[in-house]
Structure formats: structure tokens, C-alpha cells
Amino acid sequence: MRSSKFLKAEQACLYWDPIGLMAGVDEAGRGPLAGPVVAAAVILDDTRRIRGLADSKVLSALQRARLYDQIREKALCCSVAEATVEEIDELNILHATMLAMKRAVEGLRLKPAKVLVDGNRIPTIDVLAEAVIGGDAKIRAISAASILAKVHRDRLCETLHEEFPHYGFAAHKGYGTPEHLAALKLHGACRHHRRFFSPVAATLMTHGGASISITVS
């Protein structure tokens, strides 16, 4: 049985909606100094319940990993998409996030009748859409999307760590922690850093405006 928290939120959002499939959309990685922004879209199967869905930020890494596998197995369909560092630098992070969300929705195998997007903005898509503030804690499909996006991006950061271990991407996932800022100051920026985020821009000025492209063993 659905929890009352999810049930009330979904009823409120869907009361006047068209009949058909509903997709939840969320993103991960708007705030970090490095790496792409990732978005996911999920259409859940009401006949295959997934216990424990919640905003990815309140779950442990082990809980997210377990739910990630269940979502991939039990959802009717799901899609994960990215906007690259280059696109973030060109478009800005907001528009790059909308682009990643658009790609995630368009990547769904089934076309939803409506899309519910976490936050207060919606991407430009050819489907009825609604923004839901705090949706990752209210709408099960958005919770699922938040988990897929978070796990996908965290795993991507682990691969970045293998390429550039001296930044510590596996630990901070690209966020501007003291350790990350210290590594930026020491090593300069690499090609995975977002050049127009202020700590990175300051580092590039200090290091002559060039990104490094070598790994440190």
C-alpha cells in the first residue's frame, strides 16, 4: 500500500491529468565544480512495488545502490541522460540541466501522458509537464528518478577519480569541499572542471587559463 505522504501528493498532482503514463524527472549534479549534470526520467509499474523510495539525499549509498537495481528491474521504463561540462560552460548550469532533463524524457521507451519534474522549472518537451517543488520527497516516480540520477553520477565520478586521482572525485563527487579546493589550488583545473564556476575560474586565472590534461599517479 502506498504511504499517505506519496498518495496525497500524487492525487493532488494528477487529479485533472490526462489518462496515461506518468513519468517522474529529477537531476543530480547542479552544484559541483566538475563533471556533467545528470537527469533521469522514470515511469513506474504500479503492479511491481518498490519499497523504500525516497529523496536520494536522505538515503545512504548502500540504500541508493539497492534501489537503483530495483528501479532498473521493476520500472516500466527509465532513461538517464547527461549534459556535458562543455554544454554547462556554454549554456550555463540551469539551461544545461533543462537539456539533460529533456534528453532523459525523450530517451524513454514509452511516451508518458504527463511528466512531473522536481523543482520549479520544466524543460521544453512535447509532453504535458508540471514542476513539483520538493517532488523528490513527495512523488514516487520523482524519488526513483532522483536515485537513478544520483547513483549514475556518483559512479561516473568514481571513473573520473581513476583518471585524475589527485582531485579526490570519488570522495567529494566534484563538490567544492576544502579538499577539492586545495587540490584545485595545487594542481589547477582538469578538463572535467566547469570553467565558469567561480573557484575553477579563479584557478584558471592563477594557472594562466589552461586546463591540465595529464593524470598524476
N, C-alpha and C. Protein backbone atom coordinates (compact mmCIF):
# COMPACT_ATOMS: atom_id res chain seq x y z
N MET A 1 0.85 -1.20 0.00
CA MET A 1 0.00 0.00 0.00
C MET A 1 0.88 1.25 0.00
N ARG A 2 0.49 2.26 -0.73
CA ARG A 2 1.28 3.48 -0.80
C ARG A 2 1.23 4.22 0.53
N SER A 3 2.33 4.86 0.88
CA SER A 3 2.34 5.69 2.08
C SER A 3 1.44 6.90 1.85
N SER A 4 0.87 7.43 2.96
CA SER A 4 -0.03 8.58 2.82
C SER A 4 0.68 9.79 2.24
N LYS A 5 1.99 9.93 2.54
CA LYS A 5 2.76 11.07 2.01
C LYS A 5 2.77 11.05 0.49
N PHE A 6 3.11 9.90 -0.10
CA PHE A 6 3.15 9.79 -1.55
C PHE A 6 1.75 9.88 -2.14
N LEU A 7 0.78 9.20 -1.51
CA LEU A 7 -0.57 9.13 -2.07
C LEU A 7 -1.21 10.51 -2.18
N LYS A 8 -1.11 11.32 -1.12
CA LYS A 8 -1.72 12.65 -1.15
C LYS A 8 -1.06 13.53 -2.20
N ALA A 9 0.26 13.47 -2.30
CA ALA A 9 0.96 14.30 -3.28
C ALA A 9 0.60 13.89 -4.69
N GLU A 10 0.52 12.59 -4.96
CA GLU A 10 0.23 12.13 -6.31
C GLU A 10 -1.22 12.43 -6.68
N GLN A 11 -2.12 12.31 -5.73
CA GLN A 11 -3.51 12.67 -6.02
C GLN A 11 -3.64 14.14 -6.34
N ALA A 12 -2.94 14.99 -5.59
CA ALA A 12 -3.01 16.42 -5.82
C ALA A 12 -2.48 16.79 -7.20
N CYS A 13 -1.42 16.12 -7.62
CA CYS A 13 -0.81 16.45 -8.91
C CYS A 13 -1.60 15.90 -10.08
N LEU A 14 -2.27 14.76 -9.88
CA LEU A 14 -2.83 14.03 -11.01
C LEU A 14 -4.35 14.14 -11.14
N TYR A 15 -5.00 14.94 -10.27
CA TYR A 15 -6.46 14.95 -10.24
C TYR A 15 -7.07 15.32 -11.59
N TRP A 16 -6.50 16.32 -12.25
CA TRP A 16 -7.06 16.77 -13.53
C TRP A 16 -6.24 16.29 -14.72
N ASP A 17 -5.37 15.35 -14.50
CA ASP A 17 -4.44 14.94 -15.56
C ASP A 17 -5.09 14.03 -16.59
N PRO A 18 -4.50 13.97 -17.80
CA PRO A 18 -4.99 13.03 -18.81
C PRO A 18 -4.69 11.60 -18.38
N ILE A 19 -5.49 10.68 -18.88
CA ILE A 19 -5.26 9.27 -18.58
C ILE A 19 -4.02 8.81 -19.34
N GLY A 20 -3.18 8.09 -18.67
CA GLY A 20 -1.96 7.58 -19.33
C GLY A 20 -0.81 7.48 -18.36
N LEU A 21 0.34 7.21 -18.88
CA LEU A 21 1.53 7.00 -18.06
C LEU A 21 2.07 8.33 -17.53
N MET A 22 2.60 8.27 -16.32
CA MET A 22 3.20 9.45 -15.71
C MET A 22 4.67 9.17 -15.45
N ALA A 23 5.52 10.11 -15.84
CA ALA A 23 6.96 9.98 -15.62
C ALA A 23 7.41 11.00 -14.58
N GLY A 24 8.34 10.57 -13.74
CA GLY A 24 8.99 11.48 -12.81
C GLY A 24 10.38 11.82 -13.32
N VAL A 25 10.79 13.07 -13.11
CA VAL A 25 12.09 13.54 -13.61
C VAL A 25 12.82 14.28 -12.50
N ASP A 26 14.11 14.00 -12.38
CA ASP A 26 14.94 14.73 -11.44
C ASP A 26 16.37 14.75 -11.96
N GLU A 27 17.20 15.58 -11.31
CA GLU A 27 18.59 15.72 -11.73
C GLU A 27 19.54 15.53 -10.57
N ALA A 28 20.80 15.37 -10.89
CA ALA A 28 21.88 15.32 -9.90
C ALA A 28 23.08 16.04 -10.48
N GLY A 29 23.71 16.87 -9.64
CA GLY A 29 24.96 17.47 -10.08
C GLY A 29 24.88 18.90 -10.56
N ARG A 30 23.92 19.68 -10.06
CA ARG A 30 23.91 21.10 -10.45
C ARG A 30 25.01 21.89 -9.74
N GLY A 31 25.32 21.52 -8.52
CA GLY A 31 26.22 22.32 -7.72
C GLY A 31 27.71 22.03 -7.82
N PRO A 32 28.14 20.84 -8.23
CA PRO A 32 29.57 20.53 -8.24
C PRO A 32 30.38 21.41 -9.17
N LEU A 33 31.67 21.41 -8.95
CA LEU A 33 32.61 22.18 -9.77
C LEU A 33 33.09 21.39 -10.98
N ALA A 34 32.76 20.10 -11.03
CA ALA A 34 33.28 19.26 -12.11
C ALA A 34 32.26 18.20 -12.49
N GLY A 35 32.42 17.69 -13.70
CA GLY A 35 31.57 16.62 -14.18
C GLY A 35 30.27 17.10 -14.78
N PRO A 36 29.59 16.23 -15.52
CA PRO A 36 28.33 16.61 -16.16
C PRO A 36 27.20 16.73 -15.15
N VAL A 37 26.11 17.33 -15.57
CA VAL A 37 24.87 17.27 -14.81
C VAL A 37 24.06 16.12 -15.41
N VAL A 38 23.44 15.34 -14.54
CA VAL A 38 22.75 14.12 -14.95
C VAL A 38 21.27 14.24 -14.62
N ALA A 39 20.42 13.78 -15.51
CA ALA A 39 18.98 13.75 -15.27
C ALA A 39 18.46 12.35 -15.55
N ALA A 40 17.39 12.00 -14.86
CA ALA A 40 16.75 10.71 -15.09
C ALA A 40 15.24 10.90 -15.20
N ALA A 41 14.61 10.04 -15.97
CA ALA A 41 13.16 10.00 -16.10
C ALA A 41 12.71 8.57 -15.85
N VAL A 42 11.65 8.40 -15.07
CA VAL A 42 11.20 7.06 -14.68
C VAL A 42 9.69 6.97 -14.78
N ILE A 43 9.21 5.90 -15.39
CA ILE A 43 7.80 5.54 -15.36
C ILE A 43 7.70 4.25 -14.55
N LEU A 44 7.09 4.33 -13.38
CA LEU A 44 6.98 3.17 -12.51
C LEU A 44 5.85 2.26 -12.95
N ASP A 45 5.95 1.01 -12.55
CA ASP A 45 4.92 0.00 -12.78
C ASP A 45 4.16 -0.19 -11.47
N ASP A 46 2.90 0.21 -11.42
CA ASP A 46 2.13 0.11 -10.18
C ASP A 46 1.92 -1.32 -9.72
N THR A 47 2.12 -2.29 -10.59
CA THR A 47 1.96 -3.69 -10.20
C THR A 47 3.24 -4.29 -9.63
N ARG A 48 4.34 -3.53 -9.69
CA ARG A 48 5.63 -4.03 -9.16
C ARG A 48 6.17 -2.97 -8.20
N ARG A 49 5.73 -3.07 -6.98
CA ARG A 49 6.05 -2.04 -5.99
C ARG A 49 7.53 -2.08 -5.60
N ILE A 50 8.07 -0.91 -5.34
CA ILE A 50 9.45 -0.77 -4.88
C ILE A 50 9.41 -0.11 -3.51
N ARG A 51 9.81 -0.84 -2.49
CA ARG A 51 9.77 -0.31 -1.13
C ARG A 51 11.00 0.55 -0.85
N GLY A 52 10.79 1.62 -0.10
CA GLY A 52 11.91 2.43 0.34
C GLY A 52 12.24 3.62 -0.53
N LEU A 53 11.43 3.91 -1.55
CA LEU A 53 11.71 5.06 -2.41
C LEU A 53 11.63 6.35 -1.59
N ALA A 54 12.61 7.20 -1.79
CA ALA A 54 12.67 8.47 -1.07
C ALA A 54 13.63 9.38 -1.82
N ASP A 55 13.66 10.63 -1.43
CA ASP A 55 14.65 11.57 -1.97
C ASP A 55 16.03 10.96 -1.80
N SER A 56 16.80 10.93 -2.86
CA SER A 56 18.12 10.28 -2.82
C SER A 56 19.03 10.88 -1.75
N LYS A 57 18.82 12.15 -1.42
CA LYS A 57 19.70 12.82 -0.46
C LYS A 57 19.55 12.28 0.96
N VAL A 58 18.42 11.65 1.27
CA VAL A 58 18.22 11.14 2.63
C VAL A 58 18.57 9.66 2.74
N LEU A 59 19.00 9.06 1.65
CA LEU A 59 19.35 7.65 1.64
C LEU A 59 20.86 7.47 1.72
N SER A 60 21.28 6.35 2.27
CA SER A 60 22.70 6.02 2.29
C SER A 60 23.12 5.52 0.91
N ALA A 61 24.42 5.47 0.67
CA ALA A 61 24.93 4.98 -0.61
C ALA A 61 24.48 3.54 -0.86
N LEU A 62 24.48 2.71 0.19
CA LEU A 62 24.05 1.32 0.03
C LEU A 62 22.56 1.24 -0.30
N GLN A 63 21.75 2.07 0.35
CA GLN A 63 20.31 2.09 0.04
C GLN A 63 20.07 2.54 -1.38
N ARG A 64 20.78 3.57 -1.81
CA ARG A 64 20.62 4.05 -3.20
C ARG A 64 21.01 2.96 -4.20
N ALA A 65 22.10 2.27 -3.94
CA ALA A 65 22.55 1.23 -4.87
C ALA A 65 21.52 0.10 -4.96
N ARG A 66 20.96 -0.29 -3.82
CA ARG A 66 19.94 -1.34 -3.83
C ARG A 66 18.70 -0.89 -4.60
N LEU A 67 18.25 0.32 -4.33
CA LEU A 67 17.07 0.83 -5.02
C LEU A 67 17.32 1.06 -6.50
N TYR A 68 18.53 1.48 -6.84
CA TYR A 68 18.90 1.67 -8.25
C TYR A 68 18.65 0.38 -9.03
N ASP A 69 19.11 -0.73 -8.49
CA ASP A 69 18.93 -2.02 -9.19
C ASP A 69 17.45 -2.38 -9.28
N GLN A 70 16.69 -2.12 -8.21
CA GLN A 70 15.26 -2.45 -8.24
C GLN A 70 14.51 -1.58 -9.23
N ILE A 71 14.86 -0.31 -9.29
CA ILE A 71 14.19 0.59 -10.24
C ILE A 71 14.46 0.14 -11.67
N ARG A 72 15.72 -0.17 -11.96
CA ARG A 72 16.06 -0.62 -13.31
C ARG A 72 15.33 -1.92 -13.66
N GLU A 73 15.09 -2.76 -12.66
CA GLU A 73 14.44 -4.04 -12.89
C GLU A 73 12.93 -3.93 -12.99
N LYS A 74 12.33 -3.10 -12.14
CA LYS A 74 10.88 -3.13 -11.99
C LYS A 74 10.13 -1.99 -12.67
N ALA A 75 10.78 -0.90 -12.99
CA ALA A 75 10.08 0.21 -13.65
C ALA A 75 9.61 -0.20 -15.04
N LEU A 76 8.53 0.40 -15.49
CA LEU A 76 8.09 0.15 -16.87
C LEU A 76 9.17 0.58 -17.85
N CYS A 77 9.75 1.73 -17.62
CA CYS A 77 10.91 2.17 -18.39
C CYS A 77 11.58 3.33 -17.66
N CYS A 78 12.83 3.52 -17.96
CA CYS A 78 13.58 4.62 -17.36
C CYS A 78 14.68 5.05 -18.32
N SER A 79 15.16 6.25 -18.11
CA SER A 79 16.16 6.83 -19.00
C SER A 79 17.06 7.75 -18.20
N VAL A 80 18.35 7.67 -18.45
CA VAL A 80 19.32 8.56 -17.80
C VAL A 80 20.08 9.30 -18.90
N ALA A 81 20.24 10.61 -18.73
CA ALA A 81 20.90 11.43 -19.74
C ALA A 81 21.80 12.45 -19.06
N GLU A 82 22.71 13.02 -19.83
CA GLU A 82 23.67 13.99 -19.30
C GLU A 82 23.70 15.25 -20.15
N ALA A 83 24.16 16.32 -19.54
CA ALA A 83 24.66 17.48 -20.27
C ALA A 83 26.11 17.63 -19.88
N THR A 84 26.98 17.76 -20.85
CA THR A 84 28.41 17.71 -20.63
C THR A 84 28.94 18.98 -19.97
N VAL A 85 30.17 18.90 -19.51
CA VAL A 85 30.84 20.07 -18.96
C VAL A 85 30.90 21.18 -20.01
N GLU A 86 31.17 20.82 -21.23
CA GLU A 86 31.23 21.82 -22.30
C GLU A 86 29.87 22.50 -22.48
N GLU A 87 28.80 21.73 -22.40
CA GLU A 87 27.46 22.31 -22.54
C GLU A 87 27.12 23.18 -21.33
N ILE A 88 27.56 22.78 -20.15
CA ILE A 88 27.36 23.61 -18.96
C ILE A 88 28.06 24.95 -19.12
N ASP A 89 29.30 24.91 -19.60
CA ASP A 89 30.05 26.15 -19.79
C ASP A 89 29.43 27.03 -20.87
N GLU A 90 28.87 26.41 -21.89
CA GLU A 90 28.30 27.18 -23.00
C GLU A 90 26.92 27.74 -22.66
N LEU A 91 26.08 26.93 -22.00
CA LEU A 91 24.68 27.29 -21.81
C LEU A 91 24.39 27.91 -20.45
N ASN A 92 25.16 27.62 -19.46
CA ASN A 92 25.03 27.84 -18.02
C ASN A 92 24.36 26.62 -17.40
N ILE A 93 24.47 26.48 -16.07
CA ILE A 93 24.06 25.23 -15.43
C ILE A 93 22.55 25.03 -15.48
N LEU A 94 21.76 26.11 -15.39
CA LEU A 94 20.31 25.95 -15.45
C LEU A 94 19.87 25.38 -16.79
N HIS A 95 20.32 26.00 -17.87
CA HIS A 95 19.90 25.55 -19.19
C HIS A 95 20.48 24.17 -19.53
N ALA A 96 21.67 23.88 -19.04
CA ALA A 96 22.23 22.54 -19.25
C ALA A 96 21.42 21.50 -18.50
N THR A 97 20.94 21.85 -17.32
CA THR A 97 20.09 20.92 -16.56
C THR A 97 18.79 20.65 -17.30
N MET A 98 18.18 21.69 -17.85
CA MET A 98 16.96 21.51 -18.63
C MET A 98 17.22 20.64 -19.86
N LEU A 99 18.40 20.80 -20.46
CA LEU A 99 18.75 19.98 -21.62
C LEU A 99 18.89 18.52 -21.23
N ALA A 100 19.54 18.24 -20.10
CA ALA A 100 19.67 16.87 -19.63
C ALA A 100 18.31 16.26 -19.33
N MET A 101 17.41 17.04 -18.72
CA MET A 101 16.06 16.54 -18.45
C MET A 101 15.30 16.25 -19.74
N LYS A 102 15.41 17.14 -20.69
CA LYS A 102 14.75 16.93 -21.99
C LYS A 102 15.25 15.63 -22.62
N ARG A 103 16.56 15.41 -22.60
CA ARG A 103 17.13 14.18 -23.17
C ARG A 103 16.64 12.95 -22.42
N ALA A 104 16.51 13.06 -21.09
CA ALA A 104 16.04 11.92 -20.32
C ALA A 104 14.60 11.56 -20.69
N VAL A 105 13.74 12.56 -20.80
CA VAL A 105 12.35 12.31 -21.18
C VAL A 105 12.27 11.72 -22.58
N GLU A 106 13.02 12.29 -23.50
CA GLU A 106 12.99 11.81 -24.89
C GLU A 106 13.61 10.42 -25.02
N GLY A 107 14.39 10.01 -24.05
CA GLY A 107 15.01 8.69 -24.08
C GLY A 107 14.14 7.57 -23.55
N LEU A 108 12.97 7.92 -23.02
CA LEU A 108 12.07 6.89 -22.51
C LEU A 108 11.53 6.02 -23.64
N ARG A 109 11.47 4.72 -23.39
CA ARG A 109 10.96 3.79 -24.40
C ARG A 109 9.46 3.99 -24.63
N LEU A 110 8.75 4.37 -23.57
CA LEU A 110 7.32 4.66 -23.65
C LEU A 110 7.10 6.15 -23.46
N LYS A 111 6.15 6.70 -24.19
CA LYS A 111 5.88 8.14 -24.06
C LYS A 111 4.84 8.38 -22.98
N PRO A 112 5.17 9.18 -21.98
CA PRO A 112 4.20 9.45 -20.91
C PRO A 112 3.13 10.44 -21.35
N ALA A 113 1.99 10.39 -20.65
CA ALA A 113 0.95 11.39 -20.88
C ALA A 113 1.28 12.68 -20.14
N LYS A 114 2.05 12.55 -19.05
CA LYS A 114 2.44 13.71 -18.28
C LYS A 114 3.79 13.46 -17.63
N VAL A 115 4.53 14.54 -17.42
CA VAL A 115 5.84 14.49 -16.76
C VAL A 115 5.78 15.39 -15.53
N LEU A 116 6.21 14.84 -14.40
CA LEU A 116 6.32 15.62 -13.17
C LEU A 116 7.80 15.83 -12.89
N VAL A 117 8.20 17.10 -12.77
CA VAL A 117 9.61 17.46 -12.66
C VAL A 117 9.88 18.04 -11.27
N ASP A 118 10.91 17.55 -10.63
CA ASP A 118 11.27 18.12 -9.32
C ASP A 118 11.75 19.56 -9.49
N GLY A 119 11.31 20.44 -8.61
CA GLY A 119 11.77 21.82 -8.65
C GLY A 119 10.70 22.78 -9.09
N ASN A 120 11.13 23.93 -9.61
CA ASN A 120 10.19 24.98 -10.01
C ASN A 120 10.30 25.36 -11.49
N ARG A 121 11.02 24.54 -12.27
CA ARG A 121 11.15 24.79 -13.71
C ARG A 121 10.98 23.48 -14.47
N ILE A 122 10.53 23.60 -15.70
CA ILE A 122 10.35 22.41 -16.53
C ILE A 122 11.11 22.59 -17.85
N PRO A 123 11.63 21.49 -18.41
CA PRO A 123 12.32 21.57 -19.69
C PRO A 123 11.32 21.75 -20.83
N THR A 124 11.82 22.14 -21.97
CA THR A 124 10.99 22.27 -23.16
C THR A 124 10.81 20.90 -23.78
N ILE A 125 9.63 20.31 -23.59
CA ILE A 125 9.33 18.98 -24.11
C ILE A 125 7.93 18.98 -24.71
N ASP A 126 7.64 17.98 -25.55
CA ASP A 126 6.35 17.92 -26.22
C ASP A 126 5.35 17.06 -25.45
N VAL A 127 5.43 17.13 -24.12
CA VAL A 127 4.54 16.39 -23.24
C VAL A 127 4.04 17.34 -22.17
N LEU A 128 2.80 17.17 -21.74
CA LEU A 128 2.29 17.95 -20.62
C LEU A 128 3.21 17.76 -19.42
N ALA A 129 3.62 18.86 -18.79
CA ALA A 129 4.57 18.77 -17.69
C ALA A 129 4.18 19.71 -16.56
N GLU A 130 4.58 19.33 -15.36
CA GLU A 130 4.31 20.13 -14.17
C GLU A 130 5.53 20.09 -13.26
N ALA A 131 5.91 21.24 -12.74
CA ALA A 131 7.00 21.32 -11.77
C ALA A 131 6.43 21.11 -10.37
N VAL A 132 7.13 20.31 -9.57
CA VAL A 132 6.68 20.00 -8.21
C VAL A 132 7.83 20.32 -7.25
N ILE A 133 7.69 21.40 -6.51
CA ILE A 133 8.73 21.75 -5.54
C ILE A 133 8.78 20.68 -4.44
N GLY A 134 9.97 20.17 -4.19
CA GLY A 134 10.11 19.09 -3.21
C GLY A 134 9.56 17.77 -3.71
N GLY A 135 9.43 17.64 -5.01
CA GLY A 135 8.82 16.44 -5.58
C GLY A 135 9.59 15.17 -5.31
N ASP A 136 10.91 15.28 -5.11
CA ASP A 136 11.70 14.07 -4.86
C ASP A 136 11.35 13.43 -3.53
N ALA A 137 10.66 14.15 -2.65
CA ALA A 137 10.21 13.59 -1.38
C ALA A 137 8.71 13.32 -1.37
N LYS A 138 8.00 13.69 -2.45
CA LYS A 138 6.55 13.58 -2.48
C LYS A 138 6.02 12.60 -3.52
N ILE A 139 6.70 12.50 -4.66
CA ILE A 139 6.21 11.72 -5.79
C ILE A 139 7.15 10.53 -6.00
N ARG A 140 6.59 9.33 -5.98
CA ARG A 140 7.43 8.13 -6.03
C ARG A 140 8.29 8.08 -7.31
N ALA A 141 7.72 8.45 -8.43
CA ALA A 141 8.47 8.40 -9.68
C ALA A 141 9.61 9.41 -9.69
N ILE A 142 9.40 10.56 -9.06
CA ILE A 142 10.48 11.54 -8.97
C ILE A 142 11.55 11.04 -8.01
N SER A 143 11.14 10.42 -6.90
CA SER A 143 12.12 9.82 -6.00
C SER A 143 12.98 8.81 -6.74
N ALA A 144 12.34 7.98 -7.55
CA ALA A 144 13.08 6.98 -8.32
C ALA A 144 14.05 7.65 -9.28
N ALA A 145 13.60 8.72 -9.93
CA ALA A 145 14.47 9.43 -10.86
C ALA A 145 15.65 10.05 -10.13
N SER A 146 15.41 10.58 -8.92
CA SER A 146 16.50 11.19 -8.16
C SER A 146 17.55 10.15 -7.80
N ILE A 147 17.12 8.93 -7.51
CA ILE A 147 18.05 7.86 -7.16
C ILE A 147 18.87 7.44 -8.38
N LEU A 148 18.20 7.25 -9.51
CA LEU A 148 18.94 6.88 -10.73
C LEU A 148 19.97 7.92 -11.10
N ALA A 149 19.57 9.19 -11.06
CA ALA A 149 20.49 10.26 -11.45
C ALA A 149 21.68 10.34 -10.49
N LYS A 150 21.40 10.24 -9.19
CA LYS A 150 22.46 10.33 -8.19
C LYS A 150 23.45 9.18 -8.30
N VAL A 151 22.95 7.96 -8.40
CA VAL A 151 23.85 6.80 -8.48
C VAL A 151 24.66 6.84 -9.77
N HIS A 152 24.01 7.18 -10.87
CA HIS A 152 24.73 7.25 -12.15
C HIS A 152 25.85 8.27 -12.06
N ARG A 153 25.56 9.43 -11.49
CA ARG A 153 26.60 10.47 -11.43
C ARG A 153 27.71 10.10 -10.45
N ASP A 154 27.35 9.52 -9.32
CA ASP A 154 28.37 9.10 -8.36
C ASP A 154 29.33 8.09 -8.98
N ARG A 155 28.77 7.15 -9.74
CA ARG A 155 29.62 6.14 -10.38
C ARG A 155 30.50 6.77 -11.46
N LEU A 156 29.95 7.76 -12.14
CA LEU A 156 30.75 8.48 -13.12
C LEU A 156 31.93 9.19 -12.45
N CYS A 157 31.67 9.79 -11.29
CA CYS A 157 32.75 10.47 -10.57
C CYS A 157 33.83 9.49 -10.12
N GLU A 158 33.46 8.26 -9.85
CA GLU A 158 34.46 7.25 -9.50
C GLU A 158 35.37 6.95 -10.69
N THR A 159 34.82 6.99 -11.90
CA THR A 159 35.67 6.80 -13.07
C THR A 159 36.56 8.02 -13.30
N LEU A 160 36.05 9.22 -13.00
CA LEU A 160 36.89 10.42 -13.09
C LEU A 160 38.04 10.33 -12.10
N HIS A 161 37.77 9.76 -10.95
CA HIS A 161 38.81 9.60 -9.94
C HIS A 161 39.94 8.71 -10.45
N GLU A 162 39.59 7.68 -11.20
CA GLU A 162 40.62 6.79 -11.75
C GLU A 162 41.52 7.54 -12.72
N GLU A 163 40.95 8.52 -13.43
CA GLU A 163 41.72 9.29 -14.40
C GLU A 163 42.53 10.39 -13.71
N PHE A 164 41.93 11.06 -12.73
CA PHE A 164 42.58 12.16 -12.02
C PHE A 164 42.46 11.93 -10.51
N PRO A 165 43.19 10.97 -9.96
CA PRO A 165 43.01 10.62 -8.54
C PRO A 165 43.38 11.72 -7.57
N HIS A 166 44.23 12.65 -7.98
CA HIS A 166 44.70 13.67 -7.06
C HIS A 166 43.63 14.70 -6.68
N TYR A 167 42.49 14.72 -7.39
CA TYR A 167 41.40 15.64 -7.02
C TYR A 167 40.46 15.04 -5.98
N GLY A 168 40.43 13.71 -5.87
CA GLY A 168 39.53 13.07 -4.90
C GLY A 168 38.09 13.00 -5.33
N PHE A 169 37.83 12.89 -6.64
CA PHE A 169 36.45 12.88 -7.14
C PHE A 169 35.60 11.78 -6.51
N ALA A 170 36.19 10.64 -6.20
CA ALA A 170 35.42 9.52 -5.64
C ALA A 170 34.83 9.89 -4.29
N ALA A 171 35.50 10.77 -3.56
CA ALA A 171 35.03 11.14 -2.22
C ALA A 171 34.03 12.29 -2.27
N HIS A 172 34.36 13.37 -2.97
CA HIS A 172 33.50 14.56 -2.91
C HIS A 172 32.57 14.71 -4.11
N LYS A 173 32.71 13.84 -5.10
CA LYS A 173 31.83 13.82 -6.27
C LYS A 173 31.81 15.15 -7.03
N GLY A 174 32.92 15.90 -6.94
CA GLY A 174 33.02 17.14 -7.69
C GLY A 174 32.60 18.38 -6.93
N TYR A 175 32.02 18.22 -5.75
CA TYR A 175 31.59 19.38 -4.98
C TYR A 175 32.79 20.15 -4.43
N GLY A 176 32.56 21.39 -4.07
CA GLY A 176 33.64 22.28 -3.67
C GLY A 176 34.03 22.12 -2.21
N THR A 177 34.44 20.93 -1.83
CA THR A 177 34.90 20.67 -0.46
C THR A 177 36.26 21.32 -0.25
N PRO A 178 36.68 21.49 1.01
CA PRO A 178 38.03 22.03 1.25
C PRO A 178 39.12 21.22 0.57
N GLU A 179 38.96 19.89 0.56
CA GLU A 179 39.96 19.03 -0.08
C GLU A 179 40.01 19.27 -1.59
N HIS A 180 38.84 19.44 -2.19
CA HIS A 180 38.79 19.68 -3.63
C HIS A 180 39.39 21.04 -3.97
N LEU A 181 39.05 22.04 -3.19
CA LEU A 181 39.59 23.38 -3.43
C LEU A 181 41.10 23.41 -3.27
N ALA A 182 41.60 22.66 -2.29
CA ALA A 182 43.05 22.59 -2.10
C ALA A 182 43.73 21.91 -3.28
N ALA A 183 43.10 20.86 -3.81
CA ALA A 183 43.66 20.17 -4.97
C ALA A 183 43.64 21.07 -6.20
N LEU A 184 42.57 21.85 -6.35
CA LEU A 184 42.50 22.80 -7.46
C LEU A 184 43.63 23.82 -7.37
N LYS A 185 43.86 24.32 -6.18
CA LYS A 185 44.91 25.31 -5.99
C LYS A 185 46.28 24.73 -6.31
N LEU A 186 46.48 23.47 -5.95
CA LEU A 186 47.78 22.83 -6.14
C LEU A 186 48.00 22.38 -7.58
N HIS A 187 46.98 21.77 -8.18
CA HIS A 187 47.15 21.13 -9.49
C HIS A 187 46.55 21.92 -10.65
N GLY A 188 45.74 22.94 -10.35
CA GLY A 188 45.00 23.59 -11.42
C GLY A 188 43.77 22.78 -11.77
N ALA A 189 43.06 23.20 -12.80
CA ALA A 189 41.83 22.52 -13.22
C ALA A 189 42.15 21.48 -14.29
N CYS A 190 41.31 20.44 -14.35
CA CYS A 190 41.43 19.46 -15.43
C CYS A 190 40.27 19.65 -16.40
N ARG A 191 40.24 18.84 -17.43
CA ARG A 191 39.24 19.03 -18.48
C ARG A 191 37.81 18.71 -18.02
N HIS A 192 37.67 18.10 -16.86
CA HIS A 192 36.34 17.79 -16.34
C HIS A 192 35.78 18.90 -15.46
N HIS A 193 36.55 19.93 -15.21
CA HIS A 193 36.07 21.03 -14.38
C HIS A 193 35.23 22.02 -15.19
N ARG A 194 34.26 22.61 -14.53
CA ARG A 194 33.38 23.60 -15.15
C ARG A 194 34.07 24.96 -15.10
N ARG A 195 34.50 25.43 -16.23
CA ARG A 195 35.43 26.55 -16.30
C ARG A 195 34.85 27.86 -15.77
N PHE A 196 33.52 28.02 -15.81
CA PHE A 196 32.93 29.29 -15.41
C PHE A 196 32.35 29.27 -14.00
N PHE A 197 32.52 28.16 -13.28
CA PHE A 197 32.19 28.17 -11.86
C PHE A 197 33.32 28.90 -11.14
N SER A 198 32.98 29.80 -10.23
CA SER A 198 33.96 30.77 -9.74
C SER A 198 35.25 30.17 -9.17
N PRO A 199 35.24 29.11 -8.36
CA PRO A 199 36.52 28.58 -7.87
C PRO A 199 37.41 28.06 -9.00
N VAL A 200 36.77 27.47 -10.02
CA VAL A 200 37.54 26.96 -11.17
C VAL A 200 38.07 28.12 -12.00
N ALA A 201 37.22 29.12 -12.23
CA ALA A 201 37.66 30.30 -13.00
C ALA A 201 38.84 30.98 -12.32
N ALA A 202 38.79 31.08 -11.00
CA ALA A 202 39.90 31.69 -10.27
C ALA A 202 41.17 30.87 -10.41
N THR A 203 41.02 29.55 -10.38
CA THR A 203 42.18 28.66 -10.55
C THR A 203 42.78 28.80 -11.94
N LEU A 204 41.93 28.90 -12.95
CA LEU A 204 42.41 29.04 -14.32
C LEU A 204 43.17 30.35 -14.49
N MET A 205 42.71 31.40 -13.85
CA MET A 205 43.44 32.67 -13.92
C MET A 205 44.81 32.54 -13.27
N THR A 206 44.86 31.85 -12.16
CA THR A 206 46.13 31.67 -11.45
C THR A 206 47.12 30.85 -12.27
N HIS A 207 46.56 29.85 -12.99
CA HIS A 207 47.40 28.94 -13.77
C HIS A 207 47.48 29.33 -15.24
N GLY A 208 47.15 30.54 -15.55
CA GLY A 208 47.32 31.02 -16.92
C GLY A 208 46.20 30.67 -17.86
N GLY A 209 45.04 30.25 -17.34
CA GLY A 209 43.88 30.00 -18.18
C GLY A 209 43.85 28.66 -18.85
N ALA A 210 44.77 27.75 -18.56
CA ALA A 210 44.82 26.45 -19.22
C ALA A 210 44.39 25.35 -18.28
N SER A 211 43.68 24.36 -18.81
CA SER A 211 43.34 23.17 -18.04
C SER A 211 44.44 22.14 -18.25
N ILE A 212 44.72 21.37 -17.20
CA ILE A 212 45.69 20.31 -17.36
C ILE A 212 45.04 19.09 -17.96
N SER A 213 45.78 18.27 -18.65
CA SER A 213 45.21 17.10 -19.30
C SER A 213 45.98 15.83 -18.98
N ILE A 214 46.87 15.90 -18.00
CA ILE A 214 47.65 14.71 -17.65
C ILE A 214 47.14 14.16 -16.34
N THR A 215 47.34 12.89 -16.12
CA THR A 215 46.99 12.25 -14.87
C THR A 215 48.20 12.20 -13.98
N VAL A 216 47.93 12.14 -12.68
CA VAL A 216 49.01 12.03 -11.71
C VAL A 216 48.91 10.70 -11.03
N SER A 217 49.95 9.90 -11.10
CA SER A 217 49.90 8.57 -10.50
C SER A 217 50.35 8.61 -9.04
